[in-house]
């Protein structure tokens, strides 16, 4: 019998069934079903014409011998990444609120609202965490993550940036802006 994948997913979820998972499954967040959710302000449009217009963020966990380390990635959509290591997702949310971030979240169960951040985390886990682990503790994860982040920001070539690293892409943007301002100042003003 032919059945659509979404039908199988719906039926198995409804019966509380799940596929076999290697290792122990870990639930990293437990949402409060009654809490209000932020609106989807971005609506899956991750384009930005200048820095500081659109930031994406997400966190992930890294298993270590001494427990989980939570790593939060914050990125200016087309520009370099920033990083926080957090021990609780609540601190992450509080830090975003302190920074005055206008939070945008898509529909429940819909990863498209943070697809850009998910992509970066996927690269991070594939290129560093799974390849170089197991990890002893937060210090090992922090040091390796900072090295990876430096490489990603300053040396990794990204096709959407014209095959230049994110830091170089941002520097080129600011050089262009500075040149535009200088040209405007050179123009004679007529009164």
N, C-alpha and C. Protein backbone atom coordinates (compact mmCIF):
# COMPACT_ATOMS: atom_id res chain seq x y z
N UNK A 1 0.85 -1.17 0.00
CA UNK A 1 0.00 0.00 0.00
C UNK A 1 0.90 1.24 0.00
N UNK A 2 0.62 2.19 -0.88
CA UNK A 2 1.38 3.43 -0.94
C UNK A 2 0.74 4.45 0.01
N UNK A 3 1.58 5.08 0.83
CA UNK A 3 1.11 6.06 1.80
C UNK A 3 2.10 7.23 1.81
N UNK A 4 1.57 8.42 1.90
CA UNK A 4 2.42 9.61 1.95
C UNK A 4 3.21 9.63 3.25
N UNK A 5 4.42 10.17 3.19
CA UNK A 5 5.28 10.26 4.37
C UNK A 5 4.60 11.03 5.49
N UNK A 6 3.91 12.14 5.14
CA UNK A 6 3.26 12.95 6.17
C UNK A 6 2.15 12.16 6.88
N UNK A 7 1.51 11.24 6.15
CA UNK A 7 0.47 10.40 6.76
C UNK A 7 1.09 9.46 7.79
N UNK A 8 2.21 8.86 7.43
CA UNK A 8 2.91 7.97 8.36
C UNK A 8 3.37 8.76 9.58
N UNK A 9 3.93 9.94 9.37
CA UNK A 9 4.39 10.76 10.49
C UNK A 9 3.23 11.11 11.42
N UNK A 10 2.10 11.50 10.83
CA UNK A 10 0.93 11.88 11.63
C UNK A 10 0.40 10.68 12.43
N UNK A 11 0.29 9.54 11.78
CA UNK A 11 -0.25 8.36 12.45
C UNK A 11 0.68 7.84 13.54
N UNK A 12 1.98 7.77 13.26
CA UNK A 12 2.90 7.27 14.28
C UNK A 12 2.98 8.23 15.46
N UNK A 13 2.96 9.53 15.19
CA UNK A 13 2.99 10.51 16.28
C UNK A 13 1.72 10.38 17.12
N UNK A 14 0.59 10.19 16.46
CA UNK A 14 -0.68 10.04 17.17
C UNK A 14 -0.71 8.82 18.07
N UNK A 15 0.04 7.78 17.69
CA UNK A 15 0.09 6.55 18.49
C UNK A 15 1.26 6.54 19.45
N UNK A 16 2.04 7.65 19.46
CA UNK A 16 3.18 7.72 20.37
C UNK A 16 4.34 6.85 19.94
N UNK A 17 4.43 6.53 18.66
CA UNK A 17 5.52 5.69 18.16
C UNK A 17 6.64 6.55 17.59
N UNK A 18 7.85 6.03 17.67
CA UNK A 18 9.01 6.72 17.11
C UNK A 18 9.97 5.68 16.55
N UNK A 19 10.75 6.06 15.57
CA UNK A 19 11.73 5.15 14.99
C UNK A 19 12.86 4.88 15.97
N UNK A 20 13.65 3.85 15.64
CA UNK A 20 14.79 3.51 16.48
C UNK A 20 15.82 4.62 16.43
N UNK A 21 16.37 4.96 17.60
CA UNK A 21 17.38 6.00 17.70
C UNK A 21 18.61 5.40 18.34
N UNK A 22 19.77 5.64 17.73
CA UNK A 22 21.01 5.15 18.33
C UNK A 22 21.31 5.99 19.55
N UNK A 23 21.60 5.36 20.64
CA UNK A 23 21.88 6.09 21.87
C UNK A 23 20.59 6.54 22.53
N UNK A 24 20.74 7.20 23.63
CA UNK A 24 19.59 7.67 24.40
C UNK A 24 19.07 8.97 23.79
N UNK A 25 17.76 9.06 23.58
CA UNK A 25 17.15 10.29 23.07
C UNK A 25 17.12 11.33 24.18
N UNK A 26 17.48 12.56 23.86
CA UNK A 26 17.50 13.63 24.86
C UNK A 26 16.53 14.71 24.44
N UNK A 27 15.70 15.11 25.34
CA UNK A 27 14.79 16.22 25.09
C UNK A 27 15.46 17.46 25.68
N UNK A 28 15.74 18.44 24.81
CA UNK A 28 16.48 19.60 25.28
C UNK A 28 15.58 20.74 25.72
N UNK A 29 14.36 20.78 25.24
CA UNK A 29 13.44 21.85 25.65
C UNK A 29 12.07 21.26 25.90
N UNK A 30 11.37 21.85 26.83
CA UNK A 30 9.99 21.47 27.10
C UNK A 30 9.17 22.76 27.04
N UNK A 31 8.47 22.99 25.91
CA UNK A 31 7.74 24.24 25.79
C UNK A 31 6.54 24.32 26.73
N UNK A 32 6.24 25.50 27.18
CA UNK A 32 5.05 25.75 27.99
C UNK A 32 3.91 25.94 27.00
N UNK A 33 3.02 24.97 26.91
CA UNK A 33 1.93 24.99 25.93
C UNK A 33 1.01 26.19 26.12
N UNK A 34 0.92 26.72 27.34
CA UNK A 34 0.03 27.84 27.61
C UNK A 34 0.67 29.21 27.40
N UNK A 35 1.99 29.23 27.21
CA UNK A 35 2.69 30.52 27.07
C UNK A 35 2.44 31.13 25.69
N UNK A 36 2.39 32.45 25.67
CA UNK A 36 2.23 33.17 24.40
C UNK A 36 3.51 33.01 23.58
N UNK A 37 3.36 32.88 22.27
CA UNK A 37 4.52 32.74 21.38
C UNK A 37 4.72 34.02 20.59
N UNK A 38 5.98 34.38 20.32
CA UNK A 38 6.23 35.56 19.49
C UNK A 38 5.68 35.35 18.08
N UNK A 39 5.38 36.44 17.40
CA UNK A 39 4.87 36.37 16.03
C UNK A 39 5.99 36.01 15.06
N UNK A 40 5.63 35.61 13.86
CA UNK A 40 6.60 35.33 12.80
C UNK A 40 6.81 36.62 12.01
N UNK A 41 7.72 37.46 12.48
CA UNK A 41 7.99 38.76 11.87
C UNK A 41 8.78 38.60 10.57
N UNK A 42 9.71 37.65 10.54
CA UNK A 42 10.61 37.48 9.41
C UNK A 42 9.91 36.84 8.20
N UNK A 43 9.02 35.92 8.44
CA UNK A 43 8.28 35.20 7.39
C UNK A 43 9.22 34.58 6.35
N UNK A 44 10.30 33.97 6.86
CA UNK A 44 11.28 33.22 6.06
C UNK A 44 12.02 34.06 5.04
N UNK A 45 12.05 35.37 5.20
CA UNK A 45 12.82 36.23 4.31
C UNK A 45 14.08 36.64 5.08
N UNK A 46 15.20 35.95 4.79
CA UNK A 46 16.45 36.18 5.52
C UNK A 46 17.37 37.16 4.81
N UNK A 47 16.83 37.93 3.88
CA UNK A 47 17.67 38.90 3.17
C UNK A 47 17.80 40.17 4.01
N UNK A 48 18.96 40.80 3.88
CA UNK A 48 19.22 42.06 4.57
C UNK A 48 20.14 42.89 3.69
N UNK A 49 19.86 44.17 3.57
CA UNK A 49 20.66 45.02 2.70
C UNK A 49 21.85 45.65 3.42
N UNK A 50 21.87 45.54 4.75
CA UNK A 50 22.98 46.09 5.52
C UNK A 50 23.08 45.35 6.85
N UNK A 51 24.22 45.50 7.54
CA UNK A 51 24.36 44.87 8.85
C UNK A 51 23.31 45.37 9.85
N UNK A 52 23.03 44.56 10.84
CA UNK A 52 22.15 44.88 11.97
C UNK A 52 20.68 45.06 11.59
N UNK A 53 20.26 44.53 10.46
CA UNK A 53 18.84 44.55 10.10
C UNK A 53 18.14 43.27 10.53
N UNK A 54 18.82 42.13 10.39
CA UNK A 54 18.20 40.84 10.68
C UNK A 54 19.23 39.91 11.30
N UNK A 55 18.96 39.52 12.51
CA UNK A 55 19.83 38.58 13.20
C UNK A 55 19.08 37.27 13.37
N UNK A 56 19.78 36.16 13.27
CA UNK A 56 19.19 34.86 13.51
C UNK A 56 19.89 34.23 14.71
N UNK A 57 19.17 33.43 15.44
CA UNK A 57 19.75 32.82 16.64
C UNK A 57 19.13 31.46 16.89
N UNK A 58 19.92 30.61 17.46
CA UNK A 58 19.43 29.31 17.90
C UNK A 58 20.47 28.74 18.85
N UNK A 59 20.08 27.74 19.60
CA UNK A 59 21.05 27.09 20.46
C UNK A 59 21.00 25.60 20.23
N UNK A 60 22.09 24.97 20.59
CA UNK A 60 22.20 23.53 20.48
C UNK A 60 22.92 23.01 21.71
N UNK A 61 22.94 21.72 21.88
CA UNK A 61 23.65 21.15 23.01
C UNK A 61 24.77 20.26 22.51
N UNK A 62 25.82 20.17 23.32
CA UNK A 62 26.95 19.29 23.03
C UNK A 62 27.12 18.38 24.25
N UNK A 63 27.00 17.08 24.04
CA UNK A 63 27.22 16.17 25.18
C UNK A 63 28.70 16.12 25.55
N UNK A 64 28.99 16.20 26.83
CA UNK A 64 30.36 16.09 27.32
C UNK A 64 30.38 15.07 28.44
N UNK A 65 31.57 14.71 28.88
CA UNK A 65 31.70 13.75 29.98
C UNK A 65 31.12 14.32 31.27
N UNK A 66 31.04 15.63 31.39
CA UNK A 66 30.54 16.23 32.62
C UNK A 66 29.12 16.78 32.48
N UNK A 67 28.42 16.42 31.41
CA UNK A 67 27.05 16.88 31.19
C UNK A 67 26.94 17.66 29.89
N UNK A 68 25.78 18.21 29.64
CA UNK A 68 25.56 18.95 28.40
C UNK A 68 26.10 20.37 28.49
N UNK A 69 26.65 20.84 27.39
CA UNK A 69 27.06 22.23 27.22
C UNK A 69 26.13 22.80 26.17
N UNK A 70 25.50 23.92 26.47
CA UNK A 70 24.60 24.55 25.52
C UNK A 70 25.34 25.68 24.82
N UNK A 71 25.28 25.69 23.49
CA UNK A 71 25.97 26.67 22.68
C UNK A 71 24.93 27.46 21.90
N UNK A 72 24.94 28.77 22.04
CA UNK A 72 23.99 29.64 21.34
C UNK A 72 24.72 30.38 20.24
N UNK A 73 24.20 30.29 19.04
CA UNK A 73 24.76 31.00 17.91
C UNK A 73 23.87 32.19 17.58
N UNK A 74 24.49 33.35 17.42
CA UNK A 74 23.79 34.57 17.06
C UNK A 74 24.47 35.06 15.80
N UNK A 75 23.73 35.28 14.73
CA UNK A 75 24.34 35.72 13.49
C UNK A 75 23.59 36.85 12.83
N UNK A 76 24.32 37.83 12.34
CA UNK A 76 23.76 38.91 11.54
C UNK A 76 23.54 38.31 10.16
N UNK A 77 22.30 38.16 9.73
CA UNK A 77 21.92 37.27 8.62
C UNK A 77 22.97 37.09 7.53
N UNK A 78 23.41 38.12 6.81
CA UNK A 78 24.42 37.82 5.80
C UNK A 78 25.85 38.06 6.29
N UNK A 79 26.03 38.37 7.56
CA UNK A 79 27.33 38.80 8.04
C UNK A 79 27.89 37.83 9.08
N UNK A 80 29.02 38.14 9.75
CA UNK A 80 29.67 37.18 10.64
C UNK A 80 28.81 36.71 11.81
N UNK A 81 29.20 35.56 12.34
CA UNK A 81 28.52 34.94 13.47
C UNK A 81 29.10 35.43 14.78
N UNK A 82 28.29 35.35 15.81
CA UNK A 82 28.72 35.61 17.17
C UNK A 82 28.31 34.40 17.98
N UNK A 83 28.83 34.26 19.16
CA UNK A 83 28.60 33.03 19.90
C UNK A 83 28.46 33.30 21.38
N UNK A 84 27.55 32.58 21.99
CA UNK A 84 27.45 32.54 23.45
C UNK A 84 27.45 31.09 23.86
N UNK A 85 28.16 30.74 24.90
CA UNK A 85 28.02 29.43 25.51
C UNK A 85 27.12 29.63 26.71
N UNK A 86 26.07 28.87 26.74
CA UNK A 86 25.08 29.04 27.80
C UNK A 86 24.87 27.72 28.51
N UNK A 87 24.59 27.78 29.80
CA UNK A 87 24.31 26.53 30.49
C UNK A 87 22.81 26.27 30.61
N UNK A 88 21.98 27.25 30.29
CA UNK A 88 20.53 27.06 30.32
C UNK A 88 19.90 27.86 29.20
N UNK A 89 18.89 27.29 28.56
CA UNK A 89 18.21 28.00 27.48
C UNK A 89 17.46 29.23 28.01
N UNK A 90 17.09 29.22 29.29
CA UNK A 90 16.40 30.36 29.87
C UNK A 90 17.33 31.58 29.87
N UNK A 91 18.60 31.37 30.19
CA UNK A 91 19.55 32.48 30.15
C UNK A 91 19.66 33.04 28.74
N UNK A 92 19.60 32.16 27.77
CA UNK A 92 19.65 32.56 26.36
C UNK A 92 18.49 33.49 26.04
N UNK A 93 17.29 33.09 26.42
CA UNK A 93 16.10 33.91 26.16
C UNK A 93 16.17 35.22 26.94
N UNK A 94 16.64 35.17 28.17
CA UNK A 94 16.77 36.39 28.96
C UNK A 94 17.78 37.34 28.33
N UNK A 95 18.88 36.81 27.81
CA UNK A 95 19.92 37.65 27.19
C UNK A 95 19.37 38.31 25.93
N UNK A 96 18.58 37.60 25.15
CA UNK A 96 17.97 38.20 23.96
C UNK A 96 17.04 39.35 24.37
N UNK A 97 16.27 39.14 25.42
CA UNK A 97 15.37 40.19 25.90
C UNK A 97 16.15 41.41 26.39
N UNK A 98 17.26 41.16 27.14
CA UNK A 98 18.10 42.27 27.62
C UNK A 98 18.66 43.09 26.46
N UNK A 99 18.96 42.41 25.35
CA UNK A 99 19.55 43.09 24.19
C UNK A 99 18.50 43.82 23.37
N UNK A 100 17.24 43.73 23.76
CA UNK A 100 16.17 44.41 23.04
C UNK A 100 15.82 43.75 21.71
N UNK A 101 16.01 42.45 21.64
CA UNK A 101 15.76 41.72 20.40
C UNK A 101 14.26 41.55 20.18
N UNK A 102 13.78 41.89 18.98
CA UNK A 102 12.40 41.66 18.59
C UNK A 102 12.33 40.23 18.08
N UNK A 103 11.83 39.32 18.90
CA UNK A 103 11.87 37.89 18.59
C UNK A 103 10.79 37.53 17.58
N UNK A 104 11.19 36.71 16.61
CA UNK A 104 10.28 36.22 15.58
C UNK A 104 10.34 34.70 15.58
N UNK A 105 9.20 34.05 15.69
CA UNK A 105 9.15 32.60 15.70
C UNK A 105 8.04 32.16 14.75
N UNK A 106 8.33 31.17 13.93
CA UNK A 106 7.33 30.64 13.00
C UNK A 106 6.35 29.72 13.70
N UNK A 107 5.59 29.00 12.93
CA UNK A 107 4.59 28.09 13.47
C UNK A 107 5.25 26.97 14.27
N UNK A 108 4.53 26.43 15.24
CA UNK A 108 5.05 25.35 16.07
C UNK A 108 5.42 24.16 15.20
N UNK A 109 6.59 23.61 15.45
CA UNK A 109 7.04 22.46 14.69
C UNK A 109 7.58 22.82 13.31
N UNK A 110 7.72 24.09 13.04
CA UNK A 110 8.14 24.58 11.73
C UNK A 110 9.54 25.16 11.87
N UNK A 111 10.53 24.49 11.27
CA UNK A 111 11.91 24.95 11.44
C UNK A 111 12.31 26.00 10.43
N UNK A 112 11.41 26.39 9.52
CA UNK A 112 11.78 27.38 8.51
C UNK A 112 12.05 28.75 9.10
N UNK A 113 11.45 29.08 10.25
CA UNK A 113 11.64 30.39 10.85
C UNK A 113 13.08 30.61 11.30
N UNK A 114 13.81 29.54 11.57
CA UNK A 114 15.21 29.70 11.95
C UNK A 114 16.11 28.80 11.10
N UNK A 115 15.72 28.61 9.85
CA UNK A 115 16.46 27.71 8.96
C UNK A 115 17.92 28.13 8.81
N UNK A 116 18.18 29.41 8.76
CA UNK A 116 19.55 29.89 8.59
C UNK A 116 20.40 29.50 9.80
N UNK A 117 19.88 29.71 11.00
CA UNK A 117 20.62 29.33 12.21
C UNK A 117 20.78 27.81 12.28
N UNK A 118 19.74 27.07 11.91
CA UNK A 118 19.82 25.60 11.91
C UNK A 118 20.90 25.12 10.95
N UNK A 119 21.06 25.79 9.82
CA UNK A 119 22.09 25.42 8.85
C UNK A 119 23.47 25.58 9.46
N UNK A 120 23.71 26.69 10.13
CA UNK A 120 25.00 26.94 10.77
C UNK A 120 25.27 25.91 11.85
N UNK A 121 24.27 25.61 12.66
CA UNK A 121 24.44 24.62 13.72
C UNK A 121 24.73 23.25 13.13
N UNK A 122 24.06 22.92 12.02
CA UNK A 122 24.32 21.64 11.36
C UNK A 122 25.77 21.54 10.88
N UNK A 123 26.28 22.63 10.31
CA UNK A 123 27.68 22.65 9.88
C UNK A 123 28.62 22.51 11.09
N UNK A 124 28.32 23.25 12.14
CA UNK A 124 29.13 23.21 13.37
C UNK A 124 29.20 21.79 13.94
N UNK A 125 28.04 21.15 14.04
CA UNK A 125 28.02 19.80 14.61
C UNK A 125 28.72 18.79 13.70
N UNK A 126 28.54 18.93 12.39
CA UNK A 126 29.16 18.00 11.44
C UNK A 126 30.67 18.21 11.36
N UNK A 127 31.08 19.45 11.24
CA UNK A 127 32.49 19.75 11.02
C UNK A 127 33.35 19.71 12.28
N UNK A 128 32.75 19.96 13.43
CA UNK A 128 33.54 20.03 14.65
C UNK A 128 33.10 19.02 15.71
N UNK A 129 31.88 19.14 16.16
CA UNK A 129 31.45 18.39 17.35
C UNK A 129 31.51 16.88 17.13
N UNK A 130 30.90 16.38 16.07
CA UNK A 130 30.89 14.92 15.84
C UNK A 130 32.25 14.41 15.38
N UNK A 131 32.97 15.23 14.65
CA UNK A 131 34.25 14.79 14.09
C UNK A 131 35.36 14.78 15.13
N UNK A 132 35.33 15.70 16.08
CA UNK A 132 36.44 15.85 17.02
C UNK A 132 36.14 15.40 18.45
N UNK A 133 34.92 14.97 18.73
CA UNK A 133 34.58 14.54 20.08
C UNK A 133 35.15 13.17 20.37
N UNK A 134 34.90 12.59 21.53
CA UNK A 134 34.07 13.10 22.61
C UNK A 134 34.75 14.25 23.36
N UNK A 135 33.91 15.02 24.04
CA UNK A 135 34.36 16.23 24.72
C UNK A 135 34.37 16.01 26.23
N UNK A 136 35.41 16.52 26.90
CA UNK A 136 35.52 16.35 28.35
C UNK A 136 34.58 17.27 29.11
N UNK A 137 34.53 18.56 28.70
CA UNK A 137 33.70 19.51 29.43
C UNK A 137 33.60 20.82 28.69
N UNK A 138 33.07 21.82 29.38
CA UNK A 138 32.78 23.11 28.75
C UNK A 138 34.04 23.79 28.23
N UNK A 139 35.17 23.67 28.93
CA UNK A 139 36.38 24.34 28.48
C UNK A 139 36.84 23.81 27.12
N UNK A 140 36.79 22.50 26.94
CA UNK A 140 37.19 21.90 25.65
C UNK A 140 36.25 22.34 24.53
N UNK A 141 34.96 22.33 24.82
CA UNK A 141 33.97 22.73 23.81
C UNK A 141 34.14 24.22 23.48
N UNK A 142 34.32 25.04 24.50
CA UNK A 142 34.45 26.47 24.27
C UNK A 142 35.67 26.79 23.41
N UNK A 143 36.82 26.22 23.73
CA UNK A 143 38.04 26.50 22.99
C UNK A 143 37.90 26.04 21.53
N UNK A 144 37.44 24.82 21.32
CA UNK A 144 37.29 24.28 19.96
C UNK A 144 36.24 25.07 19.18
N UNK A 145 35.16 25.48 19.85
CA UNK A 145 34.11 26.25 19.18
C UNK A 145 34.63 27.61 18.76
N UNK A 146 35.39 28.26 19.61
CA UNK A 146 35.95 29.56 19.25
C UNK A 146 36.91 29.46 18.08
N UNK A 147 37.71 28.39 18.03
CA UNK A 147 38.60 28.17 16.88
C UNK A 147 37.78 27.96 15.61
N UNK A 148 36.73 27.13 15.69
CA UNK A 148 35.89 26.87 14.52
C UNK A 148 35.20 28.16 14.07
N UNK A 149 34.71 28.93 15.02
CA UNK A 149 34.02 30.17 14.70
C UNK A 149 34.96 31.17 14.03
N UNK A 150 36.20 31.24 14.51
CA UNK A 150 37.19 32.11 13.88
C UNK A 150 37.44 31.67 12.44
N UNK A 151 37.62 30.38 12.23
CA UNK A 151 37.83 29.85 10.88
C UNK A 151 36.62 30.14 10.00
N UNK A 152 35.42 29.88 10.52
CA UNK A 152 34.20 30.09 9.74
C UNK A 152 34.05 31.55 9.35
N UNK A 153 34.31 32.46 10.26
CA UNK A 153 34.11 33.89 10.02
C UNK A 153 35.19 34.51 9.14
N UNK A 154 36.44 34.06 9.30
CA UNK A 154 37.55 34.73 8.62
C UNK A 154 38.15 33.97 7.44
N UNK A 155 37.90 32.66 7.34
CA UNK A 155 38.54 31.91 6.27
C UNK A 155 37.61 31.05 5.42
N UNK A 156 36.46 30.71 5.92
CA UNK A 156 35.54 29.86 5.15
C UNK A 156 34.93 30.66 4.00
N UNK A 157 34.99 30.10 2.80
CA UNK A 157 34.43 30.76 1.63
C UNK A 157 32.96 30.38 1.51
N UNK A 158 32.11 31.38 1.44
CA UNK A 158 30.67 31.14 1.34
C UNK A 158 30.16 31.61 -0.02
N UNK A 159 29.51 30.70 -0.73
CA UNK A 159 29.02 31.00 -2.08
C UNK A 159 28.08 32.20 -2.12
N UNK A 160 27.11 32.32 -1.19
CA UNK A 160 26.21 33.49 -1.25
C UNK A 160 26.94 34.82 -1.10
N UNK A 161 28.16 34.80 -0.58
CA UNK A 161 28.96 36.02 -0.40
C UNK A 161 29.92 36.24 -1.56
N UNK A 162 29.78 35.48 -2.63
CA UNK A 162 30.73 35.61 -3.74
C UNK A 162 32.01 34.86 -3.46
N UNK A 163 31.91 33.78 -2.70
CA UNK A 163 33.06 32.95 -2.31
C UNK A 163 34.13 33.72 -1.54
N UNK A 164 33.67 34.55 -0.62
CA UNK A 164 34.56 35.22 0.33
C UNK A 164 34.06 34.92 1.74
N UNK A 165 34.93 34.98 2.73
CA UNK A 165 34.50 34.74 4.12
C UNK A 165 33.54 35.83 4.60
N UNK A 166 32.69 35.53 5.58
CA UNK A 166 31.74 36.51 6.10
C UNK A 166 32.39 37.81 6.57
N UNK A 167 33.52 37.76 7.25
CA UNK A 167 34.16 38.98 7.74
C UNK A 167 34.62 39.85 6.58
N UNK A 168 35.13 39.23 5.53
CA UNK A 168 35.56 39.98 4.35
C UNK A 168 34.35 40.60 3.64
N UNK A 169 33.27 39.86 3.60
CA UNK A 169 32.03 40.36 2.99
C UNK A 169 31.54 41.61 3.73
N UNK A 170 31.56 41.56 5.06
CA UNK A 170 31.12 42.72 5.84
C UNK A 170 32.08 43.89 5.68
N UNK A 171 33.39 43.62 5.68
CA UNK A 171 34.37 44.69 5.50
C UNK A 171 34.17 45.38 4.16
N UNK A 172 33.88 44.61 3.12
CA UNK A 172 33.63 45.20 1.79
C UNK A 172 32.38 46.08 1.83
N UNK A 173 31.37 45.66 2.55
CA UNK A 173 30.15 46.46 2.69
C UNK A 173 30.49 47.81 3.31
N UNK A 174 31.26 47.80 4.42
CA UNK A 174 31.58 49.04 5.12
C UNK A 174 32.49 49.93 4.28
N UNK A 175 33.43 49.34 3.52
CA UNK A 175 34.27 50.15 2.63
C UNK A 175 33.41 50.86 1.60
N UNK A 176 32.44 50.14 1.04
CA UNK A 176 31.53 50.71 0.04
C UNK A 176 30.71 51.84 0.66
N UNK A 177 30.22 51.63 1.89
CA UNK A 177 29.45 52.66 2.59
C UNK A 177 30.30 53.90 2.86
N UNK A 178 31.53 53.67 3.33
CA UNK A 178 32.43 54.80 3.61
C UNK A 178 32.71 55.59 2.34
N UNK A 179 32.93 54.90 1.22
CA UNK A 179 33.18 55.56 -0.05
C UNK A 179 31.98 56.38 -0.48
N UNK A 180 30.78 55.83 -0.30
CA UNK A 180 29.56 56.56 -0.66
C UNK A 180 29.41 57.84 0.16
N UNK A 181 29.73 57.77 1.43
CA UNK A 181 29.62 58.95 2.30
C UNK A 181 30.64 60.01 1.88
N UNK A 182 31.87 59.56 1.59
CA UNK A 182 32.91 60.51 1.15
C UNK A 182 32.50 61.18 -0.15
N UNK A 183 31.95 60.41 -1.08
CA UNK A 183 31.51 60.99 -2.36
C UNK A 183 30.40 62.01 -2.15
N UNK A 184 29.47 61.71 -1.23
CA UNK A 184 28.40 62.65 -0.93
C UNK A 184 28.96 63.96 -0.36
N UNK A 185 29.98 63.86 0.48
CA UNK A 185 30.57 65.05 1.08
C UNK A 185 31.32 65.89 0.06
N UNK A 186 31.86 65.26 -0.98
CA UNK A 186 32.59 65.97 -2.03
C UNK A 186 31.67 66.75 -2.95
N UNK A 187 30.42 66.32 -3.09
CA UNK A 187 29.47 66.95 -4.00
C UNK A 187 29.19 68.36 -3.51
N UNK A 188 29.25 69.34 -4.42
CA UNK A 188 28.93 70.70 -3.97
C UNK A 188 27.43 70.81 -3.66
N UNK A 189 27.14 71.55 -2.63
CA UNK A 189 25.74 71.75 -2.31
C UNK A 189 25.32 73.14 -2.79
N UNK A 190 24.23 73.19 -3.47
CA UNK A 190 23.71 74.46 -4.00
C UNK A 190 22.55 74.90 -3.14
N UNK A 191 22.53 76.20 -2.85
CA UNK A 191 21.44 76.70 -2.01
C UNK A 191 20.59 77.65 -2.80
